[in-house]
Amino acid sequence: MLNILTQISRWAIPVMFFGIVFVGLIKKIAVYEAFVSGAKNGFYTTARLAPNLLAMLVAIQIFRVSGALEIVIGMLRPITSLFRIPEEVLPLALMRPLSGSGSLGLMVQLFEEYGPDSLIGRLASAIMGSSETTFYVLTVYTGAVGIKRTRHCLAASLISDLVGFAAAVFIVFTVFM
């Protein structure tokens, strides 16, 4: 089974690439020109979003460097100890909605310290898989289409991150404890 999955993953991207080109040729679409046009539009979208992304990245760094992350972890300590959630994963759970690369770095640190097959490593993996970089996604998608009022979208997204965290804890504790 593992060999079959390895072969599928090895051929998935080339098959998809040639499949797209083949369908484009059958439908008489100028594939290269369509690609260049899409890349050009992507460049303009990126330039339009740069100020929003820069502001978000600066805010994340301020949150981390100022010590606010540690303060929030301290405030959550009574709740997490009640549910026996390892305190080591809290920085990851709090950073995940803010920064994909920051949370990936925290997960790698947890892997190096505790191992990927430890309870903390498995919980970190489940948190990464069950949550999203909420603020990044909201910045990019709402900025791309010019949405100004995101209050309900932000609340719903953060609630889904909280539910994802709770589900990750429940599933990892159920399966691995």
C-alpha atoms as a PDB file:
ATOM      1  CA  MET A   1       0.000   0.000   0.000  1.00  0.00           C
ATOM      2  CA  LEU A   2       2.823   2.396   0.893  1.00  0.00           C
ATOM      3  CA  ASN A   3       4.484   1.712  -2.471  1.00  0.00           C
ATOM      4  CA  ILE A   4       1.238   2.535  -4.299  1.00  0.00           C
ATOM      5  CA  LEU A   5       0.874   5.833  -2.396  1.00  0.00           C
ATOM      6  CA  THR A   6       4.513   6.682  -3.163  1.00  0.00           C
ATOM      7  CA  GLN A   7       3.944   6.108  -6.877  1.00  0.00           C
ATOM      8  CA  ILE A   8       0.736   8.150  -6.859  1.00  0.00           C
ATOM      9  CA  SER A   9       2.450  11.070  -5.124  1.00  0.00           C
ATOM     10  CA  ARG A  10       5.424  10.859  -7.489  1.00  0.00           C
ATOM     11  CA  TRP A  11       3.221  11.135 -10.587  1.00  0.00           C
ATOM     12  CA  ALA A  12       0.414  13.393  -9.319  1.00  0.00           C
ATOM     13  CA  ILE A  13       1.910  16.773 -10.270  1.00  0.00           C
ATOM     14  CA  PRO A  14       3.256  15.803 -13.719  1.00  0.00           C
ATOM     15  CA  VAL A  15      -0.048  14.120 -14.629  1.00  0.00           C
ATOM     16  CA  MET A  16      -1.991  17.164 -13.449  1.00  0.00           C
ATOM     17  CA  PHE A  17       0.290  19.535 -15.379  1.00  0.00           C
ATOM     18  CA  PHE A  18       0.009  17.632 -18.634  1.00  0.00           C
ATOM     19  CA  GLY A  19      -3.706  17.077 -18.055  1.00  0.00           C
ATOM     20  CA  ILE A  20      -4.311  20.820 -17.784  1.00  0.00           C
ATOM     21  CA  VAL A  21      -2.274  21.485 -20.921  1.00  0.00           C
ATOM     22  CA  PHE A  22      -4.076  18.672 -22.767  1.00  0.00           C
ATOM     23  CA  VAL A  23      -7.568  19.921 -21.803  1.00  0.00           C
ATOM     24  CA  GLY A  24      -6.540  23.464 -22.778  1.00  0.00           C
ATOM     25  CA  LEU A  25      -5.405  22.267 -26.190  1.00  0.00           C
ATOM     26  CA  ILE A  26      -8.602  20.275 -26.738  1.00  0.00           C
ATOM     27  CA  LYS A  27     -10.721  23.325 -25.852  1.00  0.00           C
ATOM     28  CA  LYS A  28      -8.502  25.470 -28.119  1.00  0.00           C
ATOM     29  CA  ILE A  29      -7.314  27.708 -25.271  1.00  0.00           C
ATOM     30  CA  ALA A  30      -3.976  29.484 -25.659  1.00  0.00           C
ATOM     31  CA  VAL A  31      -2.515  27.784 -22.569  1.00  0.00           C
ATOM     32  CA  TYR A  32       0.726  29.744 -22.358  1.00  0.00           C
ATOM     33  CA  GLU A  33      -0.997  33.096 -22.835  1.00  0.00           C
ATOM     34  CA  ALA A  34      -3.610  32.196 -20.213  1.00  0.00           C
ATOM     35  CA  PHE A  35      -0.801  31.286 -17.806  1.00  0.00           C
ATOM     36  CA  VAL A  36       1.049  34.560 -18.422  1.00  0.00           C
ATOM     37  CA  SER A  37      -2.172  36.550 -18.003  1.00  0.00           C
ATOM     38  CA  GLY A  38      -2.911  34.801 -14.697  1.00  0.00           C
ATOM     39  CA  ALA A  39       0.632  35.382 -13.463  1.00  0.00           C
ATOM     40  CA  LYS A  40       0.344  39.064 -14.382  1.00  0.00           C
ATOM     41  CA  ASN A  41      -2.932  39.385 -12.462  1.00  0.00           C
ATOM     42  CA  GLY A  42      -1.338  37.572  -9.515  1.00  0.00           C
ATOM     43  CA  PHE A  43       1.509  40.078  -9.489  1.00  0.00           C
ATOM     44  CA  TYR A  44      -0.908  43.019  -9.342  1.00  0.00           C
ATOM     45  CA  THR A  45      -2.923  41.357  -6.586  1.00  0.00           C
ATOM     46  CA  THR A  46       0.256  40.782  -4.579  1.00  0.00           C
ATOM     47  CA  ALA A  47       1.281  44.417  -4.953  1.00  0.00           C
ATOM     48  CA  ARG A  48      -2.171  45.531  -3.807  1.00  0.00           C
ATOM     49  CA  LEU A  49      -2.033  43.250  -0.736  1.00  0.00           C
ATOM     50  CA  ALA A  50       1.534  44.084   0.340  1.00  0.00           C
ATOM     51  CA  PRO A  51       0.602  46.895   2.782  1.00  0.00           C
ATOM     52  CA  ASN A  52      -1.988  44.680   4.528  1.00  0.00           C
ATOM     53  CA  LEU A  53       0.459  41.791   4.825  1.00  0.00           C
ATOM     54  CA  LEU A  54       3.237  44.037   6.108  1.00  0.00           C
ATOM     55  CA  ALA A  55       0.963  45.495   8.793  1.00  0.00           C
ATOM     56  CA  MET A  56      -0.088  42.000   9.870  1.00  0.00           C
ATOM     57  CA  LEU A  57       3.510  40.728  10.052  1.00  0.00           C
ATOM     58  CA  VAL A  58       4.589  43.738  12.134  1.00  0.00           C
ATOM     59  CA  ALA A  59       1.669  43.183  14.528  1.00  0.00           C
ATOM     60  CA  ILE A  60       2.623  39.509  14.937  1.00  0.00           C
ATOM     61  CA  GLN A  61       6.217  40.398  15.747  1.00  0.00           C
ATOM     62  CA  ILE A  62       5.079  42.984  18.291  1.00  0.00           C
ATOM     63  CA  PHE A  63       2.821  40.362  19.909  1.00  0.00           C
ATOM     64  CA  ARG A  64       5.686  37.874  20.197  1.00  0.00           C
ATOM     65  CA  VAL A  65       8.526  40.195  21.179  1.00  0.00           C
ATOM     66  CA  SER A  66       6.534  42.296  23.660  1.00  0.00           C
ATOM     67  CA  GLY A  67       5.867  39.320  25.915  1.00  0.00           C
ATOM     68  CA  ALA A  68       2.115  39.434  25.284  1.00  0.00           C
ATOM     69  CA  LEU A  69       2.196  35.789  24.188  1.00  0.00           C
ATOM     70  CA  GLU A  70       3.575  34.727  27.583  1.00  0.00           C
ATOM     71  CA  ILE A  71       0.969  36.839  29.393  1.00  0.00           C
ATOM     72  CA  VAL A  72      -1.863  35.171  27.471  1.00  0.00           C
ATOM     73  CA  ILE A  73      -0.379  31.729  28.169  1.00  0.00           C
ATOM     74  CA  GLY A  74      -0.250  32.587  31.873  1.00  0.00           C
ATOM     75  CA  MET A  75      -3.900  33.620  31.829  1.00  0.00           C
ATOM     76  CA  LEU A  76      -4.887  30.348  30.121  1.00  0.00           C
ATOM     77  CA  ARG A  77      -2.871  28.153  32.491  1.00  0.00           C
ATOM     78  CA  PRO A  78      -5.777  27.402  34.903  1.00  0.00           C
ATOM     79  CA  ILE A  79      -8.018  26.265  32.040  1.00  0.00           C
ATOM     80  CA  THR A  80      -5.383  24.129  30.362  1.00  0.00           C
ATOM     81  CA  SER A  81      -4.323  22.491  33.615  1.00  0.00           C
ATOM     82  CA  LEU A  82      -7.971  21.639  34.320  1.00  0.00           C
ATOM     83  CA  PHE A  83      -8.138  19.672  31.033  1.00  0.00           C
ATOM     84  CA  ARG A  84      -4.548  18.365  31.385  1.00  0.00           C
ATOM     85  CA  ILE A  85      -3.502  20.047  28.119  1.00  0.00           C
ATOM     86  CA  PRO A  86       0.315  20.208  27.961  1.00  0.00           C
ATOM     87  CA  GLU A  87       1.391  23.817  28.417  1.00  0.00           C
ATOM     88  CA  GLU A  88       4.121  23.302  25.821  1.00  0.00           C
ATOM     89  CA  VAL A  89       1.591  23.365  22.954  1.00  0.00           C
ATOM     90  CA  LEU A  90      -0.098  26.614  24.006  1.00  0.00           C
ATOM     91  CA  PRO A  91       2.335  28.910  22.155  1.00  0.00           C
ATOM     92  CA  LEU A  92       1.649  26.880  19.006  1.00  0.00           C
ATOM     93  CA  ALA A  93      -2.124  27.047  19.488  1.00  0.00           C
ATOM     94  CA  LEU A  94      -1.963  30.811  19.999  1.00  0.00           C
ATOM     95  CA  MET A  95       0.509  31.474  17.182  1.00  0.00           C
ATOM     96  CA  ARG A  96      -1.212  29.303  14.561  1.00  0.00           C
ATOM     97  CA  PRO A  97      -4.006  31.795  13.743  1.00  0.00           C
ATOM     98  CA  LEU A  98      -1.398  34.544  13.449  1.00  0.00           C
ATOM     99  CA  SER A  99       1.499  33.093  11.493  1.00  0.00           C
ATOM    100  CA  GLY A 100       2.029  29.941   9.468  1.00  0.00           C
ATOM    101  CA  SER A 101       5.818  30.168   9.468  1.00  0.00           C
ATOM    102  CA  GLY A 102       5.923  31.147  13.152  1.00  0.00           C
ATOM    103  CA  SER A 103       3.728  28.222  14.142  1.00  0.00           C
ATOM    104  CA  LEU A 104       5.724  25.862  11.933  1.00  0.00           C
ATOM    105  CA  GLY A 105       8.878  26.990  13.714  1.00  0.00           C
ATOM    106  CA  LEU A 106       7.254  26.346  17.086  1.00  0.00           C
ATOM    107  CA  MET A 107       6.160  22.883  15.963  1.00  0.00           C
ATOM    108  CA  VAL A 108       9.694  22.042  14.821  1.00  0.00           C
ATOM    109  CA  GLN A 109      11.017  23.159  18.220  1.00  0.00           C
ATOM    110  CA  LEU A 110       8.506  20.867  19.922  1.00  0.00           C
ATOM    111  CA  PHE A 111       9.584  17.998  17.657  1.00  0.00           C
ATOM    112  CA  GLU A 112      13.242  18.600  18.458  1.00  0.00           C
ATOM    113  CA  GLU A 113      12.626  18.762  22.203  1.00  0.00           C
ATOM    114  CA  TYR A 114       9.970  16.048  22.656  1.00  0.00           C
ATOM    115  CA  GLY A 115      10.020  14.064  19.393  1.00  0.00           C
ATOM    116  CA  PRO A 116       7.333  13.843  16.717  1.00  0.00           C
ATOM    117  CA  ASP A 117       5.923  10.591  18.141  1.00  0.00           C
ATOM    118  CA  SER A 118       5.515  11.930  21.679  1.00  0.00           C
ATOM    119  CA  LEU A 119       2.139  13.066  22.978  1.00  0.00           C
ATOM    120  CA  ILE A 120       3.238  16.692  22.597  1.00  0.00           C
ATOM    121  CA  GLY A 121       4.528  16.058  19.048  1.00  0.00           C
ATOM    122  CA  ARG A 122       1.324  14.359  18.017  1.00  0.00           C
ATOM    123  CA  LEU A 123      -0.772  17.085  19.606  1.00  0.00           C
ATOM    124  CA  ALA A 124       1.293  19.742  17.820  1.00  0.00           C
ATOM    125  CA  SER A 125       0.734  17.963  14.509  1.00  0.00           C
ATOM    126  CA  ALA A 126      -3.000  17.706  15.120  1.00  0.00           C
ATOM    127  CA  ILE A 127      -3.203  21.401  16.043  1.00  0.00           C
ATOM    128  CA  MET A 128      -1.380  22.367  12.849  1.00  0.00           C
ATOM    129  CA  GLY A 129      -3.725  20.208  10.780  1.00  0.00           C
ATOM    130  CA  SER A 130      -6.955  21.313  12.434  1.00  0.00           C
ATOM    131  CA  SER A 131      -6.407  25.066  12.429  1.00  0.00           C
ATOM    132  CA  GLU A 132      -5.658  27.818   9.961  1.00  0.00           C
ATOM    133  CA  THR A 133      -3.587  30.973   9.734  1.00  0.00           C
ATOM    134  CA  THR A 134      -6.770  32.941  10.238  1.00  0.00           C
ATOM    135  CA  PHE A 135      -5.405  36.471  10.198  1.00  0.00           C
ATOM    136  CA  TYR A 136      -3.279  35.799   7.112  1.00  0.00           C
ATOM    137  CA  VAL A 137      -6.199  34.261   5.228  1.00  0.00           C
ATOM    138  CA  LEU A 138      -8.549  37.078   6.199  1.00  0.00           C
ATOM    139  CA  THR A 139      -5.964  39.689   5.210  1.00  0.00           C
ATOM    140  CA  VAL A 140      -5.329  38.129   1.823  1.00  0.00           C
ATOM    141  CA  TYR A 141      -8.860  37.193   0.823  1.00  0.00           C
ATOM    142  CA  THR A 142     -10.708  40.209   2.155  1.00  0.00           C
ATOM    143  CA  GLY A 143      -7.972  42.510   0.866  1.00  0.00           C
ATOM    144  CA  ALA A 144      -8.056  40.887  -2.568  1.00  0.00           C
ATOM    145  CA  VAL A 145     -11.729  41.643  -3.062  1.00  0.00           C
ATOM    146  CA  GLY A 146     -11.846  44.881  -1.072  1.00  0.00           C
ATOM    147  CA  ILE A 147     -14.027  43.784   1.853  1.00  0.00           C
ATOM    148  CA  LYS A 148     -13.735  46.322   4.675  1.00  0.00           C
ATOM    149  CA  ARG A 149     -16.059  44.965   7.385  1.00  0.00           C
ATOM    150  CA  THR A 150     -14.815  41.583   8.588  1.00  0.00           C
ATOM    151  CA  ARG A 151     -16.144  41.529  12.142  1.00  0.00           C
ATOM    152  CA  HIS A 152     -18.359  38.435  11.796  1.00  0.00           C
ATOM    153  CA  CYS A 153     -15.897  36.677   9.527  1.00  0.00           C
ATOM    154  CA  LEU A 154     -13.119  37.145  12.083  1.00  0.00           C
ATOM    155  CA  ALA A 155     -15.289  35.905  14.956  1.00  0.00           C
ATOM    156  CA  ALA A 156     -16.419  32.830  13.016  1.00  0.00           C
ATOM    157  CA  SER A 157     -12.843  32.068  11.960  1.00  0.00           C
ATOM    158  CA  LEU A 158     -11.467  32.336  15.496  1.00  0.00           C
ATOM    159  CA  ILE A 159     -14.279  30.156  16.834  1.00  0.00           C
ATOM    160  CA  SER A 160     -13.435  27.537  14.202  1.00  0.00           C
ATOM    161  CA  ASP A 161      -9.782  27.680  15.305  1.00  0.00           C
ATOM    162  CA  LEU A 162     -10.862  27.131  18.918  1.00  0.00           C
ATOM    163  CA  VAL A 163     -13.055  24.197  17.888  1.00  0.00           C
ATOM    164  CA  GLY A 164     -10.170  22.778  15.839  1.00  0.00           C
ATOM    165  CA  PHE A 165      -7.866  23.049  18.859  1.00  0.00           C
ATOM    166  CA  ALA A 166     -10.417  21.342  21.106  1.00  0.00           C
ATOM    167  CA  ALA A 167     -10.960  18.604  18.508  1.00  0.00           C
ATOM    168  CA  ALA A 168      -7.204  18.074  18.175  1.00  0.00           C
ATOM    169  CA  VAL A 169      -6.840  17.707  21.946  1.00  0.00           C
ATOM    170  CA  PHE A 170      -9.839  15.368  22.200  1.00  0.00           C
ATOM    171  CA  ILE A 171      -8.755  13.137  19.310  1.00  0.00           C
ATOM    172  CA  VAL A 172      -5.097  12.917  20.334  1.00  0.00           C
ATOM    173  CA  PHE A 173      -6.018  12.184  23.956  1.00  0.00           C
ATOM    174  CA  THR A 174      -8.587   9.588  22.854  1.00  0.00           C
ATOM    175  CA  VAL A 175      -6.313   7.810  20.384  1.00  0.00           C
ATOM    176  CA  PHE A 176      -2.916   8.079  22.082  1.00  0.00           C
ATOM    177  CA  MET A 177      -3.635   8.033  25.828  1.00  0.00           C
END
